[in-house]
Amino acid sequence: TGKTPVEPEVATHGIRITLTSRNVKSLKKVCADLIRGAKEKNLKVKEPDTVKLGMMVYASNPST
């Protein structure tokens, strides 16, 4: 009777996923699969700009 239907509020949850691997090719594939799956479900996705590569630190012998 003149009232507009009100949609129920849906709770949203932010999820951050950290993946660690020495195999960069596999890591990129998993990221692409996760992003594609989220987009298929019409979820808001913030894609990573790059794959962050860790730095190897070599300890030098201080006595020499």
C-alpha atoms as a PDB file:
ATOM      1  CA  THR A   1       0.000   0.000   0.000  1.00  0.00           C
ATOM      2  CA  GLY A   2       2.507   2.581  -1.153  1.00  0.00           C
ATOM      3  CA  LYS A   3       5.367   1.214   0.944  1.00  0.00           C
ATOM      4  CA  THR A   4       8.614   0.396  -0.782  1.00  0.00           C
ATOM      5  CA  PRO A   5      10.044  -3.034   0.010  1.00  0.00           C
ATOM      6  CA  VAL A   6      13.089  -2.937   2.248  1.00  0.00           C
ATOM      7  CA  GLU A   7      15.900  -5.324   1.433  1.00  0.00           C
ATOM      8  CA  PRO A   8      17.461  -7.040   4.444  1.00  0.00           C
ATOM      9  CA  GLU A   9      20.976  -5.912   5.303  1.00  0.00           C
ATOM     10  CA  VAL A  10      23.696  -8.413   4.496  1.00  0.00           C
ATOM     11  CA  ALA A  11      26.763  -8.556   6.708  1.00  0.00           C
ATOM     12  CA  THR A  12      30.020  -8.250   4.809  1.00  0.00           C
ATOM     13  CA  HIS A  13      33.323  -9.648   5.978  1.00  0.00           C
ATOM     14  CA  GLY A  14      36.754  -8.593   4.810  1.00  0.00           C
ATOM     15  CA  ILE A  15      39.156 -11.443   4.183  1.00  0.00           C
ATOM     16  CA  ARG A  16      42.900 -11.153   3.633  1.00  0.00           C
ATOM     17  CA  ILE A  17      44.763 -14.205   2.409  1.00  0.00           C
ATOM     18  CA  THR A  18      48.530 -14.576   2.635  1.00  0.00           C
ATOM     19  CA  LEU A  19      50.102 -17.266   0.488  1.00  0.00           C
ATOM     20  CA  THR A  20      53.712 -18.315   0.832  1.00  0.00           C
ATOM     21  CA  SER A  21      55.631 -20.431  -1.636  1.00  0.00           C
ATOM     22  CA  ARG A  22      58.997 -20.655  -3.327  1.00  0.00           C
ATOM     23  CA  ASN A  23      57.278 -21.592  -6.586  1.00  0.00           C
ATOM     24  CA  VAL A  24      56.177 -18.230  -8.025  1.00  0.00           C
ATOM     25  CA  LYS A  25      54.418 -19.776 -11.033  1.00  0.00           C
ATOM     26  CA  SER A  26      52.170 -21.913  -8.808  1.00  0.00           C
ATOM     27  CA  LEU A  27      51.565 -18.974  -6.480  1.00  0.00           C
ATOM     28  CA  LYS A  28      50.377 -16.790  -9.356  1.00  0.00           C
ATOM     29  CA  LYS A  29      48.073 -19.584 -10.585  1.00  0.00           C
ATOM     30  CA  VAL A  30      46.477 -19.996  -7.152  1.00  0.00           C
ATOM     31  CA  CYS A  31      45.973 -16.212  -6.887  1.00  0.00           C
ATOM     32  CA  ALA A  32      44.349 -16.108 -10.320  1.00  0.00           C
ATOM     33  CA  ASP A  33      42.036 -19.018  -9.419  1.00  0.00           C
ATOM     34  CA  LEU A  34      40.970 -17.349  -6.155  1.00  0.00           C
ATOM     35  CA  ILE A  35      40.311 -14.015  -7.862  1.00  0.00           C
ATOM     36  CA  ARG A  36      38.371 -15.627 -10.724  1.00  0.00           C
ATOM     37  CA  GLY A  37      36.225 -17.635  -8.278  1.00  0.00           C
ATOM     38  CA  ALA A  38      35.415 -14.544  -6.216  1.00  0.00           C
ATOM     39  CA  LYS A  39      34.484 -12.536  -9.310  1.00  0.00           C
ATOM     40  CA  GLU A  40      32.203 -15.351 -10.530  1.00  0.00           C
ATOM     41  CA  LYS A  41      30.302 -14.979  -7.249  1.00  0.00           C
ATOM     42  CA  ASN A  42      30.132 -11.190  -7.765  1.00  0.00           C
ATOM     43  CA  LEU A  43      32.286 -10.494  -4.722  1.00  0.00           C
ATOM     44  CA  LYS A  44      34.330  -7.332  -4.369  1.00  0.00           C
ATOM     45  CA  VAL A  45      37.945  -8.220  -5.083  1.00  0.00           C
ATOM     46  CA  LYS A  46      41.073  -6.164  -4.560  1.00  0.00           C
ATOM     47  CA  GLU A  47      43.755  -7.770  -6.672  1.00  0.00           C
ATOM     48  CA  PRO A  48      47.412  -7.696  -5.698  1.00  0.00           C
ATOM     49  CA  ASP A  49      49.565  -5.379  -7.788  1.00  0.00           C
ATOM     50  CA  THR A  50      52.555  -7.683  -7.770  1.00  0.00           C
ATOM     51  CA  VAL A  51      53.784 -10.786  -6.089  1.00  0.00           C
ATOM     52  CA  LYS A  52      56.031  -9.653  -3.281  1.00  0.00           C
ATOM     53  CA  LEU A  53      59.273 -11.556  -3.283  1.00  0.00           C
ATOM     54  CA  GLY A  54      61.087 -11.960  -0.009  1.00  0.00           C
ATOM     55  CA  MET A  55      64.706 -10.971   0.347  1.00  0.00           C
ATOM     56  CA  MET A  56      67.329 -13.543   1.188  1.00  0.00           C
ATOM     57  CA  VAL A  57      69.655 -12.316   3.894  1.00  0.00           C
ATOM     58  CA  TYR A  58      73.109 -13.821   4.049  1.00  0.00           C
ATOM     59  CA  ALA A  59      74.904 -13.578   7.352  1.00  0.00           C
ATOM     60  CA  SER A  60      78.474 -12.488   6.953  1.00  0.00           C
ATOM     61  CA  ASN A  61      81.144 -13.792   9.246  1.00  0.00           C
ATOM     62  CA  PRO A  62      81.962 -10.820  11.519  1.00  0.00           C
ATOM     63  CA  SER A  63      85.264 -12.339  12.674  1.00  0.00           C
ATOM     64  CA  THR A  64      86.909 -12.020   9.248  1.00  0.00           C
END
